[in-house]
Amino acid sequence: MNDGMIAYLLKSEVAKLGEEQRQLYRFIIELEDALAEQADTVEEFRRLLVLHSPFEQAAYRYNRSLKEVSAMMQQIEAELGDKIEARRERAKWLDYTDRFAGETGREDKQFFLFVSE
């Protein structure tokens, strides 16, 4: 399965989280993404993570301890990983190239339908 489909499944599963979990997850991920965009190297990204710790910012924002935030994120990420893997296993790609290529006159194109439960 390609990265785009995995990203779609992740977004879909994040939307299904409880309000508190969803807010915490999005807050930390958005901060991490912003730091990743600022960094030119992996080492610089690590330095920025230490300097601007998204987990510490989340702990302050949501009035929780760093340990609580860390445990919550581990639980959320494990849950998301399990759900995405289960959906990935049930997902199917159906090849419709033969049906549509002749009708559209685009013999050089492939047509697939992605089905996910």
PDB file of N, CA and C in Angstrom:
ATOM      1  N   MET A   1       0.859  -1.164   0.000  1.00  0.00           N
ATOM      2  CA  MET A   1       0.000   0.000   0.000  1.00  0.00           C
ATOM      3  C   MET A   1       0.905   1.228   0.000  1.00  0.00           C
ATOM      4  N   ASN A   2       0.551   2.221  -0.773  1.00  0.00           N
ATOM      5  CA  ASN A   2       1.422   3.389  -0.890  1.00  0.00           C
ATOM      6  C   ASN A   2       1.257   4.351   0.292  1.00  0.00           C
ATOM      7  N   ASP A   3       2.184   5.293   0.377  1.00  0.00           N
ATOM      8  CA  ASP A   3       2.190   6.243   1.493  1.00  0.00           C
ATOM      9  C   ASP A   3       0.924   7.091   1.549  1.00  0.00           C
ATOM     10  N   GLY A   4       0.380   7.428   0.386  1.00  0.00           N
ATOM     11  CA  GLY A   4      -0.842   8.228   0.346  1.00  0.00           C
ATOM     12  C   GLY A   4      -2.015   7.512   0.987  1.00  0.00           C
ATOM     13  N   MET A   5      -2.125   6.214   0.738  1.00  0.00           N
ATOM     14  CA  MET A   5      -3.226   5.444   1.329  1.00  0.00           C
ATOM     15  C   MET A   5      -3.030   5.290   2.839  1.00  0.00           C
ATOM     16  N   ILE A   6      -1.789   5.091   3.258  1.00  0.00           N
ATOM     17  CA  ILE A   6      -1.512   4.993   4.693  1.00  0.00           C
ATOM     18  C   ILE A   6      -1.863   6.320   5.369  1.00  0.00           C
ATOM     19  N   ALA A   7      -1.499   7.432   4.739  1.00  0.00           N
ATOM     20  CA  ALA A   7      -1.830   8.753   5.295  1.00  0.00           C
ATOM     21  C   ALA A   7      -3.342   8.933   5.390  1.00  0.00           C
ATOM     22  N   TYR A   8      -4.063   8.473   4.371  1.00  0.00           N
ATOM     23  CA  TYR A   8      -5.530   8.554   4.389  1.00  0.00           C
ATOM     24  C   TYR A   8      -6.092   7.731   5.551  1.00  0.00           C
ATOM     25  N   LEU A   9      -5.607   6.504   5.713  1.00  0.00           N
ATOM     26  CA  LEU A   9      -6.095   5.650   6.796  1.00  0.00           C
ATOM     27  C   LEU A   9      -5.772   6.266   8.157  1.00  0.00           C
ATOM     28  N   LEU A  10      -4.582   6.839   8.299  1.00  0.00           N
ATOM     29  CA  LEU A  10      -4.203   7.482   9.557  1.00  0.00           C
ATOM     30  C   LEU A  10      -5.138   8.645   9.865  1.00  0.00           C
ATOM     31  N   LYS A  11      -5.367   9.497   8.885  1.00  0.00           N
ATOM     32  CA  LYS A  11      -6.256  10.648   9.085  1.00  0.00           C
ATOM     33  C   LYS A  11      -7.655  10.180   9.484  1.00  0.00           C
ATOM     34  N   SER A  12      -8.116   9.135   8.844  1.00  0.00           N
ATOM     35  CA  SER A  12      -9.435   8.585   9.129  1.00  0.00           C
ATOM     36  C   SER A  12      -9.518   8.051  10.561  1.00  0.00           C
ATOM     37  N   GLU A  13      -8.487   7.348  10.991  1.00  0.00           N
ATOM     38  CA  GLU A  13      -8.489   6.779  12.343  1.00  0.00           C
ATOM     39  C   GLU A  13      -8.303   7.854  13.410  1.00  0.00           C
ATOM     40  N   VAL A  14      -7.509   8.872  13.131  1.00  0.00           N
ATOM     41  CA  VAL A  14      -7.342   9.977  14.086  1.00  0.00           C
ATOM     42  C   VAL A  14      -8.684  10.663  14.313  1.00  0.00           C
ATOM     43  N   ALA A  15      -9.454  10.829  13.252  1.00  0.00           N
ATOM     44  CA  ALA A  15     -10.767  11.480  13.363  1.00  0.00           C
ATOM     45  C   ALA A  15     -11.718  10.685  14.256  1.00  0.00           C
ATOM     46  N   LYS A  16     -11.482   9.399  14.401  1.00  0.00           N
ATOM     47  CA  LYS A  16     -12.349   8.544  15.219  1.00  0.00           C
ATOM     48  C   LYS A  16     -11.946   8.512  16.692  1.00  0.00           C
ATOM     49  N   LEU A  17     -10.798   9.086  17.027  1.00  0.00           N
ATOM     50  CA  LEU A  17     -10.358   9.097  18.422  1.00  0.00           C
ATOM     51  C   LEU A  17     -11.307   9.939  19.266  1.00  0.00           C
ATOM     52  N   GLY A  18     -11.288   9.703  20.568  1.00  0.00           N
ATOM     53  CA  GLY A  18     -12.042  10.554  21.485  1.00  0.00           C
ATOM     54  C   GLY A  18     -11.497  11.973  21.417  1.00  0.00           C
ATOM     55  N   GLU A  19     -12.287  12.937  21.827  1.00  0.00           N
ATOM     56  CA  GLU A  19     -11.912  14.352  21.706  1.00  0.00           C
ATOM     57  C   GLU A  19     -10.569  14.659  22.365  1.00  0.00           C
ATOM     58  N   GLU A  20     -10.385  14.214  23.599  1.00  0.00           N
ATOM     59  CA  GLU A  20      -9.145  14.508  24.324  1.00  0.00           C
ATOM     60  C   GLU A  20      -7.939  13.880  23.630  1.00  0.00           C
ATOM     61  N   GLN A  21      -8.078  12.619  23.235  1.00  0.00           N
ATOM     62  CA  GLN A  21      -6.979  11.938  22.550  1.00  0.00           C
ATOM     63  C   GLN A  21      -6.663  12.611  21.217  1.00  0.00           C
ATOM     64  N   ARG A  22      -7.695  12.949  20.469  1.00  0.00           N
ATOM     65  CA  ARG A  22      -7.509  13.564  19.152  1.00  0.00           C
ATOM     66  C   ARG A  22      -6.800  14.912  19.283  1.00  0.00           C
ATOM     67  N   GLN A  23      -7.234  15.729  20.246  1.00  0.00           N
ATOM     68  CA  GLN A  23      -6.609  17.042  20.433  1.00  0.00           C
ATOM     69  C   GLN A  23      -5.138  16.906  20.826  1.00  0.00           C
ATOM     70  N   LEU A  24      -4.856  16.013  21.761  1.00  0.00           N
ATOM     71  CA  LEU A  24      -3.477  15.813  22.203  1.00  0.00           C
ATOM     72  C   LEU A  24      -2.613  15.323  21.044  1.00  0.00           C
ATOM     73  N   TYR A  25      -3.094  14.319  20.339  1.00  0.00           N
ATOM     74  CA  TYR A  25      -2.335  13.750  19.222  1.00  0.00           C
ATOM     75  C   TYR A  25      -2.051  14.815  18.167  1.00  0.00           C
ATOM     76  N   ARG A  26      -3.074  15.532  17.751  1.00  0.00           N
ATOM     77  CA  ARG A  26      -2.898  16.559  16.712  1.00  0.00           C
ATOM     78  C   ARG A  26      -1.966  17.674  17.179  1.00  0.00           C
ATOM     79  N   PHE A  27      -2.098  18.082  18.438  1.00  0.00           N
ATOM     80  CA  PHE A  27      -1.240  19.145  18.971  1.00  0.00           C
ATOM     81  C   PHE A  27       0.230  18.747  18.864  1.00  0.00           C
ATOM     82  N   ILE A  28       0.560  17.561  19.343  1.00  0.00           N
ATOM     83  CA  ILE A  28       1.957  17.111  19.335  1.00  0.00           C
ATOM     84  C   ILE A  28       2.458  16.894  17.912  1.00  0.00           C
ATOM     85  N   ILE A  29       1.662  16.251  17.076  1.00  0.00           N
ATOM     86  CA  ILE A  29       2.083  15.978  15.697  1.00  0.00           C
ATOM     87  C   ILE A  29       2.287  17.274  14.922  1.00  0.00           C
ATOM     88  N   GLU A  30       1.408  18.235  15.100  1.00  0.00           N
ATOM     89  CA  GLU A  30       1.561  19.519  14.398  1.00  0.00           C
ATOM     90  C   GLU A  30       2.827  20.243  14.843  1.00  0.00           C
ATOM     91  N   LEU A  31       3.136  20.201  16.137  1.00  0.00           N
ATOM     92  CA  LEU A  31       4.377  20.819  16.614  1.00  0.00           C
ATOM     93  C   LEU A  31       5.594  20.090  16.048  1.00  0.00           C
ATOM     94  N   GLU A  32       5.564  18.761  16.059  1.00  0.00           N
ATOM     95  CA  GLU A  32       6.674  17.983  15.505  1.00  0.00           C
ATOM     96  C   GLU A  32       6.848  18.259  14.015  1.00  0.00           C
ATOM     97  N   ASP A  33       5.751  18.336  13.286  1.00  0.00           N
ATOM     98  CA  ASP A  33       5.826  18.623  11.847  1.00  0.00           C
ATOM     99  C   ASP A  33       6.424  20.003  11.588  1.00  0.00           C
ATOM    100  N   ALA A  34       6.037  20.982  12.399  1.00  0.00           N
ATOM    101  CA  ALA A  34       6.578  22.336  12.236  1.00  0.00           C
ATOM    102  C   ALA A  34       8.086  22.348  12.487  1.00  0.00           C
ATOM    103  N   LEU A  35       8.526  21.607  13.490  1.00  0.00           N
ATOM    104  CA  LEU A  35       9.963  21.528  13.766  1.00  0.00           C
ATOM    105  C   LEU A  35      10.697  20.801  12.644  1.00  0.00           C
ATOM    106  N   ALA A  36      10.082  19.762  12.111  1.00  0.00           N
ATOM    107  CA  ALA A  36      10.702  19.021  11.004  1.00  0.00           C
ATOM    108  C   ALA A  36      10.881  19.914   9.780  1.00  0.00           C
ATOM    109  N   GLU A  37       9.925  20.786   9.541  1.00  0.00           N
ATOM    110  CA  GLU A  37      10.026  21.700   8.398  1.00  0.00           C
ATOM    111  C   GLU A  37      11.138  22.722   8.594  1.00  0.00           C
ATOM    112  N   GLN A  38      11.398  23.101   9.827  1.00  0.00           N
ATOM    113  CA  GLN A  38      12.454  24.077  10.116  1.00  0.00           C
ATOM    114  C   GLN A  38      13.848  23.471   9.978  1.00  0.00           C
ATOM    115  N   ALA A  39      13.953  22.181  10.244  1.00  0.00           N
ATOM    116  CA  ALA A  39      15.259  21.522  10.290  1.00  0.00           C
ATOM    117  C   ALA A  39      15.754  21.151   8.894  1.00  0.00           C
ATOM    118  N   ASP A  40      17.059  21.314   8.716  1.00  0.00           N
ATOM    119  CA  ASP A  40      17.689  20.924   7.453  1.00  0.00           C
ATOM    120  C   ASP A  40      18.289  19.528   7.521  1.00  0.00           C
ATOM    121  N   THR A  41      18.557  19.053   8.737  1.00  0.00           N
ATOM    122  CA  THR A  41      19.153  17.730   8.916  1.00  0.00           C
ATOM    123  C   THR A  41      18.425  16.996  10.040  1.00  0.00           C
ATOM    124  N   VAL A  42      18.668  15.706  10.111  1.00  0.00           N
ATOM    125  CA  VAL A  42      18.081  14.894  11.183  1.00  0.00           C
ATOM    126  C   VAL A  42      18.608  15.370  12.534  1.00  0.00           C
ATOM    127  N   GLU A  43      19.889  15.671  12.578  1.00  0.00           N
ATOM    128  CA  GLU A  43      20.488  16.131  13.833  1.00  0.00           C
ATOM    129  C   GLU A  43      19.876  17.455  14.293  1.00  0.00           C
ATOM    130  N   GLU A  44      19.637  18.349  13.363  1.00  0.00           N
ATOM    131  CA  GLU A  44      19.008  19.630  13.711  1.00  0.00           C
ATOM    132  C   GLU A  44      17.577  19.404  14.203  1.00  0.00           C
ATOM    133  N   PHE A  45      16.868  18.466  13.590  1.00  0.00           N
ATOM    134  CA  PHE A  45      15.512  18.135  14.034  1.00  0.00           C
ATOM    135  C   PHE A  45      15.538  17.623  15.469  1.00  0.00           C
ATOM    136  N   ARG A  46      16.475  16.741  15.768  1.00  0.00           N
ATOM    137  CA  ARG A  46      16.602  16.227  17.140  1.00  0.00           C
ATOM    138  C   ARG A  46      16.871  17.363  18.128  1.00  0.00           C
ATOM    139  N   ARG A  47      17.756  18.272  17.740  1.00  0.00           N
ATOM    140  CA  ARG A  47      18.082  19.402  18.607  1.00  0.00           C
ATOM    141  C   ARG A  47      16.842  20.263  18.857  1.00  0.00           C
ATOM    142  N   LEU A  48      16.067  20.503  17.801  1.00  0.00           N
ATOM    143  CA  LEU A  48      14.840  21.299  17.935  1.00  0.00           C
ATOM    144  C   LEU A  48      13.807  20.591  18.813  1.00  0.00           C
ATOM    145  N   LEU A  49      13.732  19.264  18.700  1.00  0.00           N
ATOM    146  CA  LEU A  49      12.802  18.507  19.550  1.00  0.00           C
ATOM    147  C   LEU A  49      13.160  18.663  21.025  1.00  0.00           C
ATOM    148  N   VAL A  50      14.450  18.619  21.315  1.00  0.00           N
ATOM    149  CA  VAL A  50      14.886  18.779  22.704  1.00  0.00           C
ATOM    150  C   VAL A  50      14.628  20.209  23.175  1.00  0.00           C
ATOM    151  N   LEU A  51      14.943  21.167  22.331  1.00  0.00           N
ATOM    152  CA  LEU A  51      14.802  22.576  22.687  1.00  0.00           C
ATOM    153  C   LEU A  51      13.345  23.007  22.852  1.00  0.00           C
ATOM    154  N   HIS A  52      12.467  22.517  21.979  1.00  0.00           N
ATOM    155  CA  HIS A  52      11.059  22.952  21.966  1.00  0.00           C
ATOM    156  C   HIS A  52      10.100  21.804  22.276  1.00  0.00           C
ATOM    157  N   SER A  53      10.499  20.878  23.062  1.00  0.00           N
ATOM    158  CA  SER A  53       9.779  19.642  23.353  1.00  0.00           C
ATOM    159  C   SER A  53       8.253  19.721  23.195  1.00  0.00           C
ATOM    160  N   PRO A  54       7.721  19.132  22.114  1.00  0.00           N
ATOM    161  CA  PRO A  54       6.266  19.106  21.932  1.00  0.00           C
ATOM    162  C   PRO A  54       5.543  18.412  23.090  1.00  0.00           C
ATOM    163  N   PHE A  55       6.178  17.414  23.687  1.00  0.00           N
ATOM    164  CA  PHE A  55       5.553  16.707  24.799  1.00  0.00           C
ATOM    165  C   PHE A  55       5.453  17.616  26.024  1.00  0.00           C
ATOM    166  N   GLU A  56       6.494  18.388  26.286  1.00  0.00           N
ATOM    167  CA  GLU A  56       6.447  19.323  27.417  1.00  0.00           C
ATOM    168  C   GLU A  56       5.423  20.424  27.166  1.00  0.00           C
ATOM    169  N   GLN A  57       5.349  20.902  25.935  1.00  0.00           N
ATOM    170  CA  GLN A  57       4.350  21.920  25.607  1.00  0.00           C
ATOM    171  C   GLN A  57       2.937  21.365  25.781  1.00  0.00           C
ATOM    172  N   ALA A  58       2.734  20.110  25.375  1.00  0.00           N
ATOM    173  CA  ALA A  58       1.417  19.480  25.530  1.00  0.00           C
ATOM    174  C   ALA A  58       1.082  19.293  27.010  1.00  0.00           C
ATOM    175  N   ALA A  59       2.070  18.891  27.801  1.00  0.00           N
ATOM    176  CA  ALA A  59       1.841  18.715  29.239  1.00  0.00           C
ATOM    177  C   ALA A  59       1.393  20.036  29.865  1.00  0.00           C
ATOM    178  N   TYR A  60       2.051  21.117  29.501  1.00  0.00           N
ATOM    179  CA  TYR A  60       1.686  22.437  30.018  1.00  0.00           C
ATOM    180  C   TYR A  60       0.295  22.840  29.537  1.00  0.00           C
ATOM    181  N   ARG A  61       0.048  22.687  28.246  1.00  0.00           N
ATOM    182  CA  ARG A  61      -1.232  23.116  27.660  1.00  0.00           C
ATOM    183  C   ARG A  61      -2.417  22.345  28.244  1.00  0.00           C
ATOM    184  N   TYR A  62      -2.253  21.033  28.418  1.00  0.00           N
ATOM    185  CA  TYR A  62      -3.365  20.195  28.874  1.00  0.00           C
ATOM    186  C   TYR A  62      -3.308  19.904  30.374  1.00  0.00           C
ATOM    187  N   ASN A  63      -2.428  20.610  31.089  1.00  0.00           N
ATOM    188  CA  ASN A  63      -2.332  20.503  32.538  1.00  0.00           C
ATOM    189  C   ASN A  63      -2.143  19.054  32.987  1.00  0.00           C
ATOM    190  N   ARG A  64      -1.166  18.411  32.393  1.00  0.00           N
ATOM    191  CA  ARG A  64      -0.832  17.025  32.724  1.00  0.00           C
ATOM    192  C   ARG A  64       0.671  16.923  32.939  1.00  0.00           C
ATOM    193  N   SER A  65       1.080  15.841  33.558  1.00  0.00           N
ATOM    194  CA  SER A  65       2.518  15.630  33.729  1.00  0.00           C
ATOM    195  C   SER A  65       3.109  15.128  32.410  1.00  0.00           C
ATOM    196  N   LEU A  66       4.405  15.303  32.272  1.00  0.00           N
ATOM    197  CA  LEU A  66       5.103  14.817  31.083  1.00  0.00           C
ATOM    198  C   LEU A  66       4.944  13.298  30.963  1.00  0.00           C
ATOM    199  N   LYS A  67       4.973  12.627  32.100  1.00  0.00           N
ATOM    200  CA  LYS A  67       4.813  11.169  32.111  1.00  0.00           C
ATOM    201  C   LYS A  67       3.424  10.774  31.594  1.00  0.00           C
ATOM    202  N   GLU A  68       2.387  11.499  32.020  1.00  0.00           N
ATOM    203  CA  GLU A  68       1.024  11.221  31.550  1.00  0.00           C
ATOM    204  C   GLU A  68       0.903  11.434  30.040  1.00  0.00           C
ATOM    205  N   VAL A  69       1.449  12.543  29.565  1.00  0.00           N
ATOM    206  CA  VAL A  69       1.377  12.853  28.134  1.00  0.00           C
ATOM    207  C   VAL A  69       2.108  11.787  27.329  1.00  0.00           C
ATOM    208  N   SER A  70       3.276  11.397  27.798  1.00  0.00           N
ATOM    209  CA  SER A  70       4.053  10.368  27.107  1.00  0.00           C
ATOM    210  C   SER A  70       3.292   9.045  27.059  1.00  0.00           C
ATOM    211  N   ALA A  71       2.706   8.654  28.173  1.00  0.00           N
ATOM    212  CA  ALA A  71       1.936   7.403  28.224  1.00  0.00           C
ATOM    213  C   ALA A  71       0.712   7.477  27.319  1.00  0.00           C
ATOM    214  N   MET A  72       0.040   8.626  27.325  1.00  0.00           N
ATOM    215  CA  MET A  72      -1.141   8.787  26.468  1.00  0.00           C
ATOM    216  C   MET A  72      -0.758   8.685  24.993  1.00  0.00           C
ATOM    217  N   MET A  73       0.342   9.329  24.609  1.00  0.00           N
ATOM    218  CA  MET A  73       0.766   9.277  23.204  1.00  0.00           C
ATOM    219  C   MET A  73       1.173   7.864  22.803  1.00  0.00           C
ATOM    220  N   GLN A  74       1.843   7.154  23.689  1.00  0.00           N
ATOM    221  CA  GLN A  74       2.209   5.768  23.382  1.00  0.00           C
ATOM    222  C   GLN A  74       0.958   4.929  23.159  1.00  0.00           C
ATOM    223  N   GLN A  75      -0.047   5.123  24.012  1.00  0.00           N
ATOM    224  CA  GLN A  75      -1.297   4.373  23.887  1.00  0.00           C
ATOM    225  C   GLN A  75      -2.018   4.748  22.600  1.00  0.00           C
ATOM    226  N   ILE A  76      -2.079   6.039  22.295  1.00  0.00           N
ATOM    227  CA  ILE A  76      -2.755   6.514  21.082  1.00  0.00           C
ATOM    228  C   ILE A  76      -2.060   5.964  19.842  1.00  0.00           C
ATOM    229  N   GLU A  77      -0.733   6.060  19.797  1.00  0.00           N
ATOM    230  CA  GLU A  77       0.008   5.590  18.626  1.00  0.00           C
ATOM    231  C   GLU A  77      -0.108   4.077  18.453  1.00  0.00           C
ATOM    232  N   ALA A  78      -0.123   3.336  19.558  1.00  0.00           N
ATOM    233  CA  ALA A  78      -0.299   1.883  19.468  1.00  0.00           C
ATOM    234  C   ALA A  78      -1.686   1.549  18.926  1.00  0.00           C
ATOM    235  N   GLU A  79      -2.693   2.249  19.438  1.00  0.00           N
ATOM    236  CA  GLU A  79      -4.070   2.037  18.974  1.00  0.00           C
ATOM    237  C   GLU A  79      -4.203   2.371  17.489  1.00  0.00           C
ATOM    238  N   LEU A  80      -3.645   3.502  17.082  1.00  0.00           N
ATOM    239  CA  LEU A  80      -3.709   3.892  15.671  1.00  0.00           C
ATOM    240  C   LEU A  80      -2.984   2.874  14.794  1.00  0.00           C
ATOM    241  N   GLY A  81      -1.827   2.429  15.244  1.00  0.00           N
ATOM    242  CA  GLY A  81      -1.069   1.435  14.480  1.00  0.00           C
ATOM    243  C   GLY A  81      -1.853   0.150  14.289  1.00  0.00           C
ATOM    244  N   ASP A  82      -2.484  -0.325  15.355  1.00  0.00           N
ATOM    245  CA  ASP A  82      -3.286  -1.553  15.270  1.00  0.00           C
ATOM    246  C   ASP A  82      -4.468  -1.383  14.322  1.00  0.00           C
ATOM    247  N   LYS A  83      -5.157  -0.264  14.431  1.00  0.00           N
ATOM    248  CA  LYS A  83      -6.338  -0.038  13.590  1.00  0.00           C
ATOM    249  C   LYS A  83      -5.962   0.134  12.121  1.00  0.00           C
ATOM    250  N   ILE A  84      -4.873   0.841  11.865  1.00  0.00           N
ATOM    251  CA  ILE A  84      -4.434   1.025  10.479  1.00  0.00           C
ATOM    252  C   ILE A  84      -4.003  -0.306   9.883  1.00  0.00           C
ATOM    253  N   GLU A  85      -3.290  -1.099  10.649  1.00  0.00           N
ATOM    254  CA  GLU A  85      -2.856  -2.411  10.153  1.00  0.00           C
ATOM    255  C   GLU A  85      -4.059  -3.300   9.846  1.00  0.00           C
ATOM    256  N   ALA A  86      -5.053  -3.289  10.717  1.00  0.00           N
ATOM    257  CA  ALA A  86      -6.258  -4.095  10.479  1.00  0.00           C
ATOM    258  C   ALA A  86      -6.976  -3.635   9.216  1.00  0.00           C
ATOM    259  N   ARG A  87      -7.090  -2.333   9.030  1.00  0.00           N
ATOM    260  CA  ARG A  87      -7.746  -1.814   7.817  1.00  0.00           C
ATOM    261  C   ARG A  87      -6.904  -2.096   6.584  1.00  0.00           C
ATOM    262  N   ARG A  88      -5.592  -2.010   6.713  1.00  0.00           N
ATOM    263  CA  ARG A  88      -4.714  -2.284   5.585  1.00  0.00           C
ATOM    264  C   ARG A  88      -4.873  -3.729   5.121  1.00  0.00           C
ATOM    265  N   GLU A  89      -5.016  -4.630   6.075  1.00  0.00           N
ATOM    266  CA  GLU A  89      -5.188  -6.043   5.735  1.00  0.00           C
ATOM    267  C   GLU A  89      -6.525  -6.301   5.044  1.00  0.00           C
ATOM    268  N   ARG A  90      -7.545  -5.512   5.370  1.00  0.00           N
ATOM    269  CA  ARG A  90      -8.862  -5.684   4.750  1.00  0.00           C
ATOM    270  C   ARG A  90      -9.006  -4.914   3.443  1.00  0.00           C
ATOM    271  N   ALA A  91      -8.101  -3.990   3.191  1.00  0.00           N
ATOM    272  CA  ALA A  91      -8.197  -3.145   1.994  1.00  0.00           C
ATOM    273  C   ALA A  91      -7.914  -3.962   0.740  1.00  0.00           C
ATOM    274  N   LYS A  92      -8.565  -3.558  -0.336  1.00  0.00           N
ATOM    275  CA  LYS A  92      -8.383  -4.245  -1.614  1.00  0.00           C
ATOM    276  C   LYS A  92      -8.229  -3.220  -2.721  1.00  0.00           C
ATOM    277  N   TRP A  93      -7.391  -3.556  -3.678  1.00  0.00           N
ATOM    278  CA  TRP A  93      -7.251  -2.774  -4.902  1.00  0.00           C
ATOM    279  C   TRP A  93      -7.896  -3.587  -6.010  1.00  0.00           C
ATOM    280  N   LEU A  94      -8.866  -3.020  -6.683  1.00  0.00           N
ATOM    281  CA  LEU A  94      -9.524  -3.697  -7.799  1.00  0.00           C
ATOM    282  C   LEU A  94      -9.064  -3.040  -9.093  1.00  0.00           C
ATOM    283  N   ASP A  95      -8.568  -3.853 -10.010  1.00  0.00           N
ATOM    284  CA  ASP A  95      -8.048  -3.354 -11.284  1.00  0.00           C
ATOM    285  C   ASP A  95      -9.189  -3.254 -12.295  1.00  0.00           C
ATOM    286  N   TYR A  96      -9.525  -2.023 -12.668  1.00  0.00           N
ATOM    287  CA  TYR A  96     -10.581  -1.764 -13.646  1.00  0.00           C
ATOM    288  C   TYR A  96     -10.008  -1.264 -14.973  1.00  0.00           C
ATOM    289  N   THR A  97      -8.741  -1.484 -15.180  1.00  0.00           N
ATOM    290  CA  THR A  97      -8.095  -0.989 -16.394  1.00  0.00           C
ATOM    291  C   THR A  97      -8.787  -1.507 -17.643  1.00  0.00           C
ATOM    292  N   ASP A  98      -9.069  -2.792 -17.695  1.00  0.00           N
ATOM    293  CA  ASP A  98      -9.695  -3.382 -18.887  1.00  0.00           C
ATOM    294  C   ASP A  98     -11.075  -2.796 -19.154  1.00  0.00           C
ATOM    295  N   ARG A  99     -11.810  -2.470 -18.116  1.00  0.00           N
ATOM    296  CA  ARG A  99     -13.168  -1.936 -18.293  1.00  0.00           C
ATOM    297  C   ARG A  99     -13.189  -0.501 -18.787  1.00  0.00           C
ATOM    298  N   PHE A 100     -12.267   0.332 -18.279  1.00  0.00           N
ATOM    299  CA  PHE A 100     -12.327   1.758 -18.576  1.00  0.00           C
ATOM    300  C   PHE A 100     -11.353   2.239 -19.643  1.00  0.00           C
ATOM    301  N   ALA A 101     -10.262   1.547 -19.835  1.00  0.00           N
ATOM    302  CA  ALA A 101      -9.253   2.018 -20.788  1.00  0.00           C
ATOM    303  C   ALA A 101      -9.834   2.140 -22.189  1.00  0.00           C
ATOM    304  N   GLY A 102     -10.586   1.151 -22.623  1.00  0.00           N
ATOM    305  CA  GLY A 102     -11.188   1.203 -23.959  1.00  0.00           C
ATOM    306  C   GLY A 102     -12.265   2.257 -24.067  1.00  0.00           C
ATOM    307  N   GLU A 103     -13.066   2.412 -23.013  1.00  0.00           N
ATOM    308  CA  GLU A 103     -14.165   3.384 -23.017  1.00  0.00           C
ATOM    309  C   GLU A 103     -13.666   4.823 -23.062  1.00  0.00           C
ATOM    310  N   THR A 104     -12.553   5.081 -22.424  1.00  0.00           N
ATOM    311  CA  THR A 104     -12.041   6.449 -22.363  1.00  0.00           C
ATOM    312  C   THR A 104     -11.051   6.750 -23.480  1.00  0.00           C
ATOM    313  N   GLY A 105     -10.643   5.711 -24.190  1.00  0.00           N
ATOM    314  CA  GLY A 105      -9.650   5.905 -25.236  1.00  0.00           C
ATOM    315  C   GLY A 105      -8.260   6.164 -24.682  1.00  0.00           C
ATOM    316  N   ARG A 106      -8.068   5.850 -23.420  1.00  0.00           N
ATOM    317  CA  ARG A 106      -6.775   6.087 -22.758  1.00  0.00           C
ATOM    318  C   ARG A 106      -6.119   4.750 -22.461  1.00  0.00           C
ATOM    319  N   GLU A 107      -5.599   4.125 -23.474  1.00  0.00           N
ATOM    320  CA  GLU A 107      -4.956   2.818 -23.332  1.00  0.00           C
ATOM    321  C   GLU A 107      -3.691   2.899 -22.471  1.00  0.00           C
ATOM    322  N   ASP A 108      -3.121   4.094 -22.353  1.00  0.00           N
ATOM    323  CA  ASP A 108      -1.882   4.268 -21.602  1.00  0.00           C
ATOM    324  C   ASP A 108      -2.116   4.468 -20.102  1.00  0.00           C
ATOM    325  N   LYS A 109      -3.362   4.500 -19.660  1.00  0.00           N
ATOM    326  CA  LYS A 109      -3.689   4.731 -18.253  1.00  0.00           C
ATOM    327  C   LYS A 109      -4.186   3.450 -17.607  1.00  0.00           C
ATOM    328  N   GLN A 110      -3.976   3.367 -16.290  1.00  0.00           N
ATOM    329  CA  GLN A 110      -4.504   2.263 -15.507  1.00  0.00           C
ATOM    330  C   GLN A 110      -5.564   2.814 -14.567  1.00  0.00           C
ATOM    331  N   PHE A 111      -6.586   2.012 -14.298  1.00  0.00           N
ATOM    332  CA  PHE A 111      -7.687   2.428 -13.432  1.00  0.00           C
ATOM    333  C   PHE A 111      -7.855   1.413 -12.307  1.00  0.00           C
ATOM    334  N   PHE A 112      -7.761   1.903 -11.068  1.00  0.00           N
ATOM    335  CA  PHE A 112      -7.908   1.049  -9.901  1.00  0.00           C
ATOM    336  C   PHE A 112      -8.954   1.643  -8.969  1.00  0.00           C
ATOM    337  N   LEU A 113      -9.640   0.763  -8.266  1.00  0.00           N
ATOM    338  CA  LEU A 113     -10.598   1.175  -7.252  1.00  0.00           C
ATOM    339  C   LEU A 113     -10.074   0.659  -5.918  1.00  0.00           C
ATOM    340  N   PHE A 114      -9.978   1.549  -4.952  1.00  0.00           N
ATOM    341  CA  PHE A 114      -9.525   1.187  -3.620  1.00  0.00           C
ATOM    342  C   PHE A 114     -10.749   0.993  -2.739  1.00  0.00           C
ATOM    343  N   VAL A 115     -10.861  -0.178  -2.118  1.00  0.00           N
ATOM    344  CA  VAL A 115     -11.994  -0.488  -1.252  1.00  0.00           C
ATOM    345  C   VAL A 115     -11.453  -0.785   0.143  1.00  0.00           C
ATOM    346  N   SER A 116     -12.004  -0.087   1.134  1.00  0.00           N
ATOM    347  CA  SER A 116     -11.584  -0.280   2.511  1.00  0.00           C
ATOM    348  C   SER A 116     -12.817  -0.304   3.397  1.00  0.00           C
ATOM    349  N   GLU A 117     -12.812  -1.200   4.364  1.00  0.00           N
ATOM    350  CA  GLU A 117     -13.938  -1.281   5.302  1.00  0.00           C
ATOM    351  C   GLU A 117     -13.788  -0.253   6.387  1.00  0.00           C
TER     352      GLU A 117
END
